[in-house]
Amino acid sequence: EATLWGDEWVFARRLIPVLAGPRPSPPTRPDG
């Protein structure tokens, strides 16, 4: 919660952290 220039701003966490590291993707054909 923050007061900035008279405005009241409230940030509410929506979800827990999601770890999004690099993940290998399935191989693909060059043109398929």
Full PDB file with SEQRES, HELIX, SHEET, SSBOND, CRYST1, ORIGX, SCALE, CONECT and MASTER records, all heavy atoms in Angstrom:
SEQRES   1 A   32  GLU ALA THR LEU TRP GLY ASP GLU TRP VAL PHE ALA ARG          
SEQRES   2 A   32  ARG LEU ILE PRO VAL LEU ALA GLY PRO ARG PRO SER PRO          
SEQRES   3 A   32  PRO THR ARG PRO ASP GLY                                      
SHEET    1 AA1 2 ALA A   2  LEU A   4  0                                        
SHEET    2 AA1 2 ASP A   7  TRP A   9 -1                                        
CRYST1    1.000    1.000    1.000  90.00  90.00  90.00 P 1           1          
ORIGX1      1.000000  0.000000  0.000000        0.00000                         
ORIGX2      0.000000  1.000000  0.000000        0.00000                         
ORIGX3      0.000000  0.000000  1.000000        0.00000                         
SCALE1      1.000000  0.000000  0.000000        0.00000                         
SCALE2      0.000000  1.000000  0.000000        0.00000                         
SCALE3      0.000000  0.000000  1.000000        0.00000                         
ATOM      1  N   GLU A   1       0.847  -1.189   0.000  1.00  0.00           N  
ATOM      2  CA  GLU A   1       0.000   0.000   0.000  1.00  0.00           C  
ATOM      3  C   GLU A   1       0.884   1.241   0.000  1.00  0.00           C  
ATOM      4  O   GLU A   1       1.854   1.314   0.755  1.00  0.00           O  
ATOM      5  CB  GLU A   1      -0.908   0.021   1.236  1.00  0.00           C  
ATOM      6  CG  GLU A   1      -1.743  -1.243   1.407  1.00  0.00           C  
ATOM      7  CD  GLU A   1      -2.375  -1.329   2.780  1.00  0.00           C  
ATOM      8  OE1 GLU A   1      -2.133  -0.415   3.607  1.00  0.00           O  
ATOM      9  OE2 GLU A   1      -3.091  -2.308   3.051  1.00  0.00           O  
ATOM     10  N   ALA A   2       0.538   2.217  -0.844  1.00  0.00           N  
ATOM     11  CA  ALA A   2       1.356   3.430  -0.925  1.00  0.00           C  
ATOM     12  C   ALA A   2       0.470   4.641  -1.166  1.00  0.00           C  
ATOM     13  O   ALA A   2      -0.505   4.573  -1.927  1.00  0.00           O  
ATOM     14  CB  ALA A   2       2.390   3.309  -2.038  1.00  0.00           C  
ATOM     15  N   THR A   3       0.807   5.743  -0.515  1.00  0.00           N  
ATOM     16  CA  THR A   3       0.177   7.029  -0.781  1.00  0.00           C  
ATOM     17  C   THR A   3       1.154   7.861  -1.601  1.00  0.00           C  
ATOM     18  O   THR A   3       2.276   8.115  -1.165  1.00  0.00           O  
ATOM     19  CB  THR A   3      -0.166   7.766   0.525  1.00  0.00           C  
ATOM     20  OG1 THR A   3      -1.007   6.933   1.325  1.00  0.00           O  
ATOM     21  CG2 THR A   3      -0.884   9.072   0.233  1.00  0.00           C  
ATOM     22  N   LEU A   4       0.730   8.268  -2.799  1.00  0.00           N  
ATOM     23  CA  LEU A   4       1.601   9.006  -3.715  1.00  0.00           C  
ATOM     24  C   LEU A   4       0.828  10.193  -4.272  1.00  0.00           C  
ATOM     25  O   LEU A   4      -0.162  10.020  -4.979  1.00  0.00           O  
ATOM     26  CB  LEU A   4       2.073   8.076  -4.840  1.00  0.00           C  
ATOM     27  CG  LEU A   4       2.936   8.695  -5.935  1.00  0.00           C  
ATOM     28  CD1 LEU A   4       4.247   9.217  -5.363  1.00  0.00           C  
ATOM     29  CD2 LEU A   4       3.214   7.673  -7.042  1.00  0.00           C  
ATOM     30  N   TRP A   5       1.272  11.410  -3.933  1.00  0.00           N  
ATOM     31  CA  TRP A   5       0.617  12.640  -4.374  1.00  0.00           C  
ATOM     32  C   TRP A   5      -0.880  12.624  -4.049  1.00  0.00           C  
ATOM     33  O   TRP A   5      -1.715  13.022  -4.859  1.00  0.00           O  
ATOM     34  CB  TRP A   5       0.834  12.870  -5.871  1.00  0.00           C  
ATOM     35  CG  TRP A   5       2.219  13.301  -6.211  1.00  0.00           C  
ATOM     36  CD1 TRP A   5       3.182  12.546  -6.806  1.00  0.00           C  
ATOM     37  CD2 TRP A   5       2.816  14.583  -5.979  1.00  0.00           C  
ATOM     38  NE1 TRP A   5       4.346  13.261  -6.947  1.00  0.00           N  
ATOM     39  CE2 TRP A   5       4.148  14.524  -6.443  1.00  0.00           C  
ATOM     40  CE3 TRP A   5       2.360  15.767  -5.406  1.00  0.00           C  
ATOM     41  CZ2 TRP A   5       5.007  15.601  -6.353  1.00  0.00           C  
ATOM     42  CZ3 TRP A   5       3.231  16.845  -5.327  1.00  0.00           C  
ATOM     43  CH2 TRP A   5       4.537  16.743  -5.806  1.00  0.00           C  
ATOM     44  N   GLY A   6      -1.233  12.107  -2.876  1.00  0.00           N  
ATOM     45  CA  GLY A   6      -2.620  12.105  -2.435  1.00  0.00           C  
ATOM     46  C   GLY A   6      -3.439  10.930  -2.906  1.00  0.00           C  
ATOM     47  O   GLY A   6      -4.555  10.723  -2.434  1.00  0.00           O  
ATOM     48  N   ASP A   7      -2.926  10.129  -3.848  1.00  0.00           N  
ATOM     49  CA  ASP A   7      -3.649   8.940  -4.312  1.00  0.00           C  
ATOM     50  C   ASP A   7      -3.273   7.734  -3.462  1.00  0.00           C  
ATOM     51  O   ASP A   7      -2.113   7.584  -3.059  1.00  0.00           O  
ATOM     52  CB  ASP A   7      -3.305   8.633  -5.773  1.00  0.00           C  
ATOM     53  CG  ASP A   7      -3.932   9.630  -6.733  1.00  0.00           C  
ATOM     54  OD1 ASP A   7      -5.062  10.067  -6.461  1.00  0.00           O  
ATOM     55  OD2 ASP A   7      -3.293   9.965  -7.740  1.00  0.00           O  
ATOM     56  N   GLU A   8      -4.257   6.860  -3.243  1.00  0.00           N  
ATOM     57  CA  GLU A   8      -4.028   5.627  -2.499  1.00  0.00           C  
ATOM     58  C   GLU A   8      -3.903   4.476  -3.491  1.00  0.00           C  
ATOM     59  O   GLU A   8      -4.857   4.125  -4.175  1.00  0.00           O  
ATOM     60  CB  GLU A   8      -5.187   5.369  -1.523  1.00  0.00           C  
ATOM     61  CG  GLU A   8      -5.444   6.501  -0.539  1.00  0.00           C  
ATOM     62  CD  GLU A   8      -4.288   6.707   0.437  1.00  0.00           C  
ATOM     63  OE1 GLU A   8      -3.548   5.733   0.697  1.00  0.00           O  
ATOM     64  OE2 GLU A   8      -4.115   7.845   0.930  1.00  0.00           O  
ATOM     65  N   TRP A   9      -2.708   3.892  -3.549  1.00  0.00           N  
ATOM     66  CA  TRP A   9      -2.446   2.748  -4.431  1.00  0.00           C  
ATOM     67  C   TRP A   9      -2.328   1.486  -3.582  1.00  0.00           C  
ATOM     68  O   TRP A   9      -1.620   1.472  -2.586  1.00  0.00           O  
ATOM     69  CB  TRP A   9      -1.152   2.962  -5.216  1.00  0.00           C  
ATOM     70  CG  TRP A   9      -1.197   4.080  -6.206  1.00  0.00           C  
ATOM     71  CD1 TRP A   9      -0.905   5.392  -5.982  1.00  0.00           C  
ATOM     72  CD2 TRP A   9      -1.560   3.996  -7.586  1.00  0.00           C  
ATOM     73  NE1 TRP A   9      -1.052   6.129  -7.126  1.00  0.00           N  
ATOM     74  CE2 TRP A   9      -1.454   5.294  -8.133  1.00  0.00           C  
ATOM     75  CE3 TRP A   9      -1.948   2.951  -8.420  1.00  0.00           C  
ATOM     76  CZ2 TRP A   9      -1.730   5.566  -9.464  1.00  0.00           C  
ATOM     77  CZ3 TRP A   9      -2.226   3.216  -9.746  1.00  0.00           C  
ATOM     78  CH2 TRP A   9      -2.119   4.513 -10.261  1.00  0.00           C  
ATOM     79  N   VAL A  10      -3.020   0.421  -4.009  1.00  0.00           N  
ATOM     80  CA  VAL A  10      -2.967  -0.853  -3.295  1.00  0.00           C  
ATOM     81  C   VAL A  10      -2.654  -1.962  -4.300  1.00  0.00           C  
ATOM     82  O   VAL A  10      -3.404  -2.163  -5.267  1.00  0.00           O  
ATOM     83  CB  VAL A  10      -4.294  -1.157  -2.571  1.00  0.00           C  
ATOM     84  CG1 VAL A  10      -4.221  -2.524  -1.901  1.00  0.00           C  
ATOM     85  CG2 VAL A  10      -4.601  -0.081  -1.535  1.00  0.00           C  
ATOM     86  N   PHE A  11      -1.547  -2.651  -4.073  1.00  0.00           N  
ATOM     87  CA  PHE A  11      -1.155  -3.809  -4.874  1.00  0.00           C  
ATOM     88  C   PHE A  11      -1.505  -5.066  -4.075  1.00  0.00           C  
ATOM     89  O   PHE A  11      -1.010  -5.246  -2.961  1.00  0.00           O  
ATOM     90  CB  PHE A  11       0.340  -3.794  -5.165  1.00  0.00           C  
ATOM     91  CG  PHE A  11       0.795  -2.705  -6.094  1.00  0.00           C  
ATOM     92  CD1 PHE A  11       0.820  -1.381  -5.684  1.00  0.00           C  
ATOM     93  CD2 PHE A  11       1.216  -3.009  -7.380  1.00  0.00           C  
ATOM     94  CE1 PHE A  11       1.240  -0.380  -6.533  1.00  0.00           C  
ATOM     95  CE2 PHE A  11       1.647  -2.011  -8.239  1.00  0.00           C  
ATOM     96  CZ  PHE A  11       1.654  -0.691  -7.821  1.00  0.00           C  
ATOM     97  N   ALA A  12      -2.343  -5.934  -4.637  1.00  0.00           N  
ATOM     98  CA  ALA A  12      -2.740  -7.169  -3.970  1.00  0.00           C  
ATOM     99  C   ALA A  12      -2.209  -8.353  -4.773  1.00  0.00           C  
ATOM    100  O   ALA A  12      -2.520  -8.482  -5.970  1.00  0.00           O  
ATOM    101  CB  ALA A  12      -4.257  -7.257  -3.845  1.00  0.00           C  
ATOM    102  N   ARG A  13      -1.407  -9.183  -4.117  1.00  0.00           N  
ATOM    103  CA  ARG A  13      -0.828 -10.347  -4.798  1.00  0.00           C  
ATOM    104  C   ARG A  13      -1.945 -11.251  -5.319  1.00  0.00           C  
ATOM    105  O   ARG A  13      -2.897 -11.558  -4.617  1.00  0.00           O  
ATOM    106  CB  ARG A  13       0.074 -11.117  -3.841  1.00  0.00           C  
ATOM    107  CG  ARG A  13       0.727 -12.344  -4.460  1.00  0.00           C  
ATOM    108  CD  ARG A  13       1.556 -13.088  -3.438  1.00  0.00           C  
ATOM    109  NE  ARG A  13       2.812 -12.399  -3.174  1.00  0.00           N  
ATOM    110  CZ  ARG A  13       3.963 -12.653  -3.814  1.00  0.00           C  
ATOM    111  NH1 ARG A  13       3.989 -13.589  -4.750  1.00  0.00           N  
ATOM    112  NH2 ARG A  13       5.054 -11.994  -3.520  1.00  0.00           N  
ATOM    113  N   ARG A  14      -1.785 -11.659  -6.573  1.00  0.00           N  
ATOM    114  CA  ARG A  14      -2.823 -12.452  -7.219  1.00  0.00           C  
ATOM    115  C   ARG A  14      -2.532 -13.943  -7.181  1.00  0.00           C  
ATOM    116  O   ARG A  14      -3.423 -14.758  -7.228  1.00  0.00           O  
ATOM    117  CB  ARG A  14      -2.989 -11.978  -8.660  1.00  0.00           C  
ATOM    118  CG  ARG A  14      -4.351 -12.219  -9.250  1.00  0.00           C  
ATOM    119  CD  ARG A  14      -4.507 -11.514 -10.574  1.00  0.00           C  
ATOM    120  NE  ARG A  14      -3.422 -11.807 -11.503  1.00  0.00           N  
ATOM    121  CZ  ARG A  14      -3.050 -11.003 -12.493  1.00  0.00           C  
ATOM    122  NH1 ARG A  14      -3.632  -9.839 -12.638  1.00  0.00           N  
ATOM    123  NH2 ARG A  14      -2.074 -11.337 -13.307  1.00  0.00           N  
ATOM    124  N   LEU A  15      -1.272 -14.303  -7.146  1.00  0.00           N  
ATOM    125  CA  LEU A  15      -0.902 -15.704  -7.155  1.00  0.00           C  
ATOM    126  C   LEU A  15       0.522 -15.848  -6.661  1.00  0.00           C  
ATOM    127  O   LEU A  15       1.257 -14.866  -6.536  1.00  0.00           O  
ATOM    128  CB  LEU A  15      -1.028 -16.312  -8.553  1.00  0.00           C  
ATOM    129  CG  LEU A  15      -0.051 -15.834  -9.651  1.00  0.00           C  
ATOM    130  CD1 LEU A  15      -0.161 -16.752 -10.854  1.00  0.00           C  
ATOM    131  CD2 LEU A  15      -0.321 -14.422 -10.090  1.00  0.00           C  
ATOM    132  N   ILE A  16       0.895 -17.077  -6.367  1.00  0.00           N  
ATOM    133  CA  ILE A  16       2.249 -17.340  -5.897  1.00  0.00           C  
ATOM    134  C   ILE A  16       3.208 -17.257  -7.072  1.00  0.00           C  
ATOM    135  O   ILE A  16       2.795 -17.336  -8.227  1.00  0.00           O  
ATOM    136  CB  ILE A  16       2.355 -18.716  -5.215  1.00  0.00           C  
ATOM    137  CG1 ILE A  16       1.975 -19.820  -6.202  1.00  0.00           C  
ATOM    138  CG2 ILE A  16       1.487 -18.777  -3.977  1.00  0.00           C  
ATOM    139  CD1 ILE A  16       2.155 -21.211  -5.646  1.00  0.00           C  
ATOM    140  N   PRO A  17       4.534 -17.094  -6.826  1.00  0.00           N  
ATOM    141  CA  PRO A  17       5.476 -16.985  -7.937  1.00  0.00           C  
ATOM    142  C   PRO A  17       5.452 -18.213  -8.839  1.00  0.00           C  
ATOM    143  O   PRO A  17       5.303 -19.339  -8.374  1.00  0.00           O  
ATOM    144  CB  PRO A  17       6.834 -16.852  -7.235  1.00  0.00           C  
ATOM    145  CG  PRO A  17       6.508 -16.361  -5.882  1.00  0.00           C  
ATOM    146  CD  PRO A  17       5.179 -16.935  -5.531  1.00  0.00           C  
ATOM    147  N   VAL A  18       5.555 -17.968 -10.131  1.00  0.00           N  
ATOM    148  CA  VAL A  18       5.645 -19.040 -11.113  1.00  0.00           C  
ATOM    149  C   VAL A  18       7.067 -19.069 -11.641  1.00  0.00           C  
ATOM    150  O   VAL A  18       7.549 -18.087 -12.199  1.00  0.00           O  
ATOM    151  CB  VAL A  18       4.656 -18.814 -12.276  1.00  0.00           C  
ATOM    152  CG1 VAL A  18       4.831 -19.891 -13.339  1.00  0.00           C  
ATOM    153  CG2 VAL A  18       3.226 -18.798 -11.760  1.00  0.00           C  
ATOM    154  N   LEU A  19       7.744 -20.197 -11.451  1.00  0.00           N  
ATOM    155  CA  LEU A  19       9.105 -20.295 -11.954  1.00  0.00           C  
ATOM    156  C   LEU A  19       9.049 -20.609 -13.439  1.00  0.00           C  
ATOM    157  O   LEU A  19       8.516 -21.632 -13.857  1.00  0.00           O  
ATOM    158  CB  LEU A  19       9.860 -21.402 -11.209  1.00  0.00           C  
ATOM    159  CG  LEU A  19      10.042 -21.119  -9.709  1.00  0.00           C  
ATOM    160  CD1 LEU A  19      10.786 -22.269  -9.065  1.00  0.00           C  
ATOM    161  CD2 LEU A  19      10.786 -19.826  -9.486  1.00  0.00           C  
ATOM    162  N   ALA A  20       9.578 -19.701 -14.220  1.00  0.00           N  
ATOM    163  CA  ALA A  20       9.486 -19.814 -15.680  1.00  0.00           C  
ATOM    164  C   ALA A  20      10.872 -19.834 -16.270  1.00  0.00           C  
ATOM    165  O   ALA A  20      11.309 -18.907 -16.926  1.00  0.00           O  
ATOM    166  CB  ALA A  20       8.671 -18.675 -16.258  1.00  0.00           C  
ATOM    167  N   GLY A  21      11.590 -20.874 -16.010  1.00  0.00           N  
ATOM    168  CA  GLY A  21      12.934 -21.006 -16.556  1.00  0.00           C  
ATOM    169  C   GLY A  21      12.894 -21.516 -17.978  1.00  0.00           C  
ATOM    170  O   GLY A  21      11.837 -21.847 -18.520  1.00  0.00           O  
ATOM    171  N   PRO A  22      14.042 -21.583 -18.637  1.00  0.00           N  
ATOM    172  CA  PRO A  22      14.059 -22.102 -19.998  1.00  0.00           C  
ATOM    173  C   PRO A  22      13.690 -23.576 -20.021  1.00  0.00           C  
ATOM    174  O   PRO A  22      14.223 -24.376 -19.263  1.00  0.00           O  
ATOM    175  CB  PRO A  22      15.531 -21.888 -20.434  1.00  0.00           C  
ATOM    176  CG  PRO A  22      16.286 -21.803 -19.162  1.00  0.00           C  
ATOM    177  CD  PRO A  22      15.367 -21.217 -18.147  1.00  0.00           C  
ATOM    178  N   ARG A  23      12.737 -23.926 -20.863  1.00  0.00           N  
ATOM    179  CA  ARG A  23      12.284 -25.301 -20.954  1.00  0.00           C  
ATOM    180  C   ARG A  23      12.505 -25.823 -22.356  1.00  0.00           C  
ATOM    181  O   ARG A  23      12.202 -25.143 -23.335  1.00  0.00           O  
ATOM    182  CB  ARG A  23      10.794 -25.395 -20.604  1.00  0.00           C  
ATOM    183  CG  ARG A  23      10.480 -24.930 -19.189  1.00  0.00           C  
ATOM    184  CD  ARG A  23       8.994 -24.924 -18.968  1.00  0.00           C  
ATOM    185  NE  ARG A  23       8.677 -24.442 -17.633  1.00  0.00           N  
ATOM    186  CZ  ARG A  23       7.438 -24.199 -17.218  1.00  0.00           C  
ATOM    187  NH1 ARG A  23       6.420 -24.402 -18.029  1.00  0.00           N  
ATOM    188  NH2 ARG A  23       7.212 -23.760 -15.992  1.00  0.00           N  
ATOM    189  N   PRO A  24      13.013 -27.044 -22.515  1.00  0.00           N  
ATOM    190  CA  PRO A  24      13.208 -27.578 -23.858  1.00  0.00           C  
ATOM    191  C   PRO A  24      11.875 -27.850 -24.525  1.00  0.00           C  
ATOM    192  O   PRO A  24      10.930 -28.332 -23.891  1.00  0.00           O  
ATOM    193  CB  PRO A  24      13.983 -28.876 -23.604  1.00  0.00           C  
ATOM    194  CG  PRO A  24      13.651 -29.248 -22.198  1.00  0.00           C  
ATOM    195  CD  PRO A  24      13.445 -27.970 -21.469  1.00  0.00           C  
ATOM    196  N   SER A  25      11.761 -27.487 -25.796  1.00  0.00           N  
ATOM    197  CA  SER A  25      10.528 -27.734 -26.533  1.00  0.00           C  
ATOM    198  C   SER A  25      10.692 -28.968 -27.409  1.00  0.00           C  
ATOM    199  O   SER A  25      11.817 -29.331 -27.789  1.00  0.00           O  
ATOM    200  CB  SER A  25      10.186 -26.531 -27.414  1.00  0.00           C  
ATOM    201  OG  SER A  25      11.255 -26.249 -28.280  1.00  0.00           O  
ATOM    202  N   PRO A  26       9.580 -29.634 -27.762  1.00  0.00           N  
ATOM    203  CA  PRO A  26       9.685 -30.815 -28.619  1.00  0.00           C  
ATOM    204  C   PRO A  26      10.302 -30.456 -29.952  1.00  0.00           C  
ATOM    205  O   PRO A  26      10.109 -29.344 -30.463  1.00  0.00           O  
ATOM    206  CB  PRO A  26       8.226 -31.256 -28.779  1.00  0.00           C  
ATOM    207  CG  PRO A  26       7.497 -30.615 -27.647  1.00  0.00           C  
ATOM    208  CD  PRO A  26       8.224 -29.346 -27.356  1.00  0.00           C  
ATOM    209  N   PRO A  27      11.087 -31.355 -30.549  1.00  0.00           N  
ATOM    210  CA  PRO A  27      11.702 -31.061 -31.848  1.00  0.00           C  
ATOM    211  C   PRO A  27      10.646 -30.899 -32.926  1.00  0.00           C  
ATOM    212  O   PRO A  27       9.549 -31.445 -32.846  1.00  0.00           O  
ATOM    213  CB  PRO A  27      12.593 -32.281 -32.093  1.00  0.00           C  
ATOM    214  CG  PRO A  27      11.994 -33.362 -31.271  1.00  0.00           C  
ATOM    215  CD  PRO A  27      11.405 -32.698 -30.068  1.00  0.00           C  
ATOM    216  N   THR A  28      10.986 -30.132 -33.959  1.00  0.00           N  
ATOM    217  CA  THR A  28      10.073 -29.901 -35.072  1.00  0.00           C  
ATOM    218  C   THR A  28      10.773 -30.219 -36.369  1.00  0.00           C  
ATOM    219  O   THR A  28      11.998 -30.139 -36.495  1.00  0.00           O  
ATOM    220  CB  THR A  28       9.605 -28.435 -35.109  1.00  0.00           C  
ATOM    221  OG1 THR A  28      10.760 -27.597 -35.230  1.00  0.00           O  
ATOM    222  CG2 THR A  28       8.859 -28.063 -33.838  1.00  0.00           C  
ATOM    223  N   ARG A  29       9.952 -30.585 -37.366  1.00  0.00           N  
ATOM    224  CA  ARG A  29      10.496 -30.715 -38.720  1.00  0.00           C  
ATOM    225  C   ARG A  29      10.775 -29.323 -39.274  1.00  0.00           C  
ATOM    226  O   ARG A  29      10.138 -28.359 -38.879  1.00  0.00           O  
ATOM    227  CB  ARG A  29       9.479 -31.425 -39.619  1.00  0.00           C  
ATOM    228  CG  ARG A  29       9.233 -32.878 -39.245  1.00  0.00           C  
ATOM    229  CD  ARG A  29       8.483 -33.556 -40.391  1.00  0.00           C  
ATOM    230  NE  ARG A  29       8.198 -34.932 -40.070  1.00  0.00           N  
ATOM    231  CZ  ARG A  29       6.998 -35.370 -39.700  1.00  0.00           C  
ATOM    232  NH1 ARG A  29       6.000 -34.510 -39.584  1.00  0.00           N  
ATOM    233  NH2 ARG A  29       6.806 -36.626 -39.437  1.00  0.00           N  
ATOM    234  N   PRO A  30      11.713 -29.177 -40.208  1.00  0.00           N  
ATOM    235  CA  PRO A  30      12.022 -27.839 -40.737  1.00  0.00           C  
ATOM    236  C   PRO A  30      10.804 -27.136 -41.313  1.00  0.00           C  
ATOM    237  O   PRO A  30      10.663 -25.933 -41.205  1.00  0.00           O  
ATOM    238  CB  PRO A  30      13.082 -28.124 -41.821  1.00  0.00           C  
ATOM    239  CG  PRO A  30      13.676 -29.434 -41.422  1.00  0.00           C  
ATOM    240  CD  PRO A  30      12.584 -30.213 -40.749  1.00  0.00           C  
ATOM    241  N   ASP A  31       9.904 -27.886 -41.975  1.00  0.00           N  
ATOM    242  CA  ASP A  31       8.763 -27.250 -42.623  1.00  0.00           C  
ATOM    243  C   ASP A  31       7.448 -27.920 -42.223  1.00  0.00           C  
ATOM    244  O   ASP A  31       6.488 -27.912 -42.975  1.00  0.00           O  
ATOM    245  CB  ASP A  31       8.915 -27.289 -44.139  1.00  0.00           C  
ATOM    246  CG  ASP A  31       9.134 -28.717 -44.648  1.00  0.00           C  
ATOM    247  OD1 ASP A  31       9.300 -29.626 -43.801  1.00  0.00           O  
ATOM    248  OD2 ASP A  31       9.116 -28.896 -45.872  1.00  0.00           O  
ATOM    249  N   GLY A  32       7.429 -28.493 -41.062  1.00  0.00           N  
ATOM    250  CA  GLY A  32       6.218 -29.207 -40.678  1.00  0.00           C  
ATOM    251  C   GLY A  32       5.842 -28.950 -39.249  1.00  0.00           C  
ATOM    252  O   GLY A  32       6.471 -28.170 -38.544  1.00  0.00           O  
TER     253      GLY A  32                                                      
MASTER        0    0    0    0    2    0    0    6  252    1    0    3          
END                                                                             
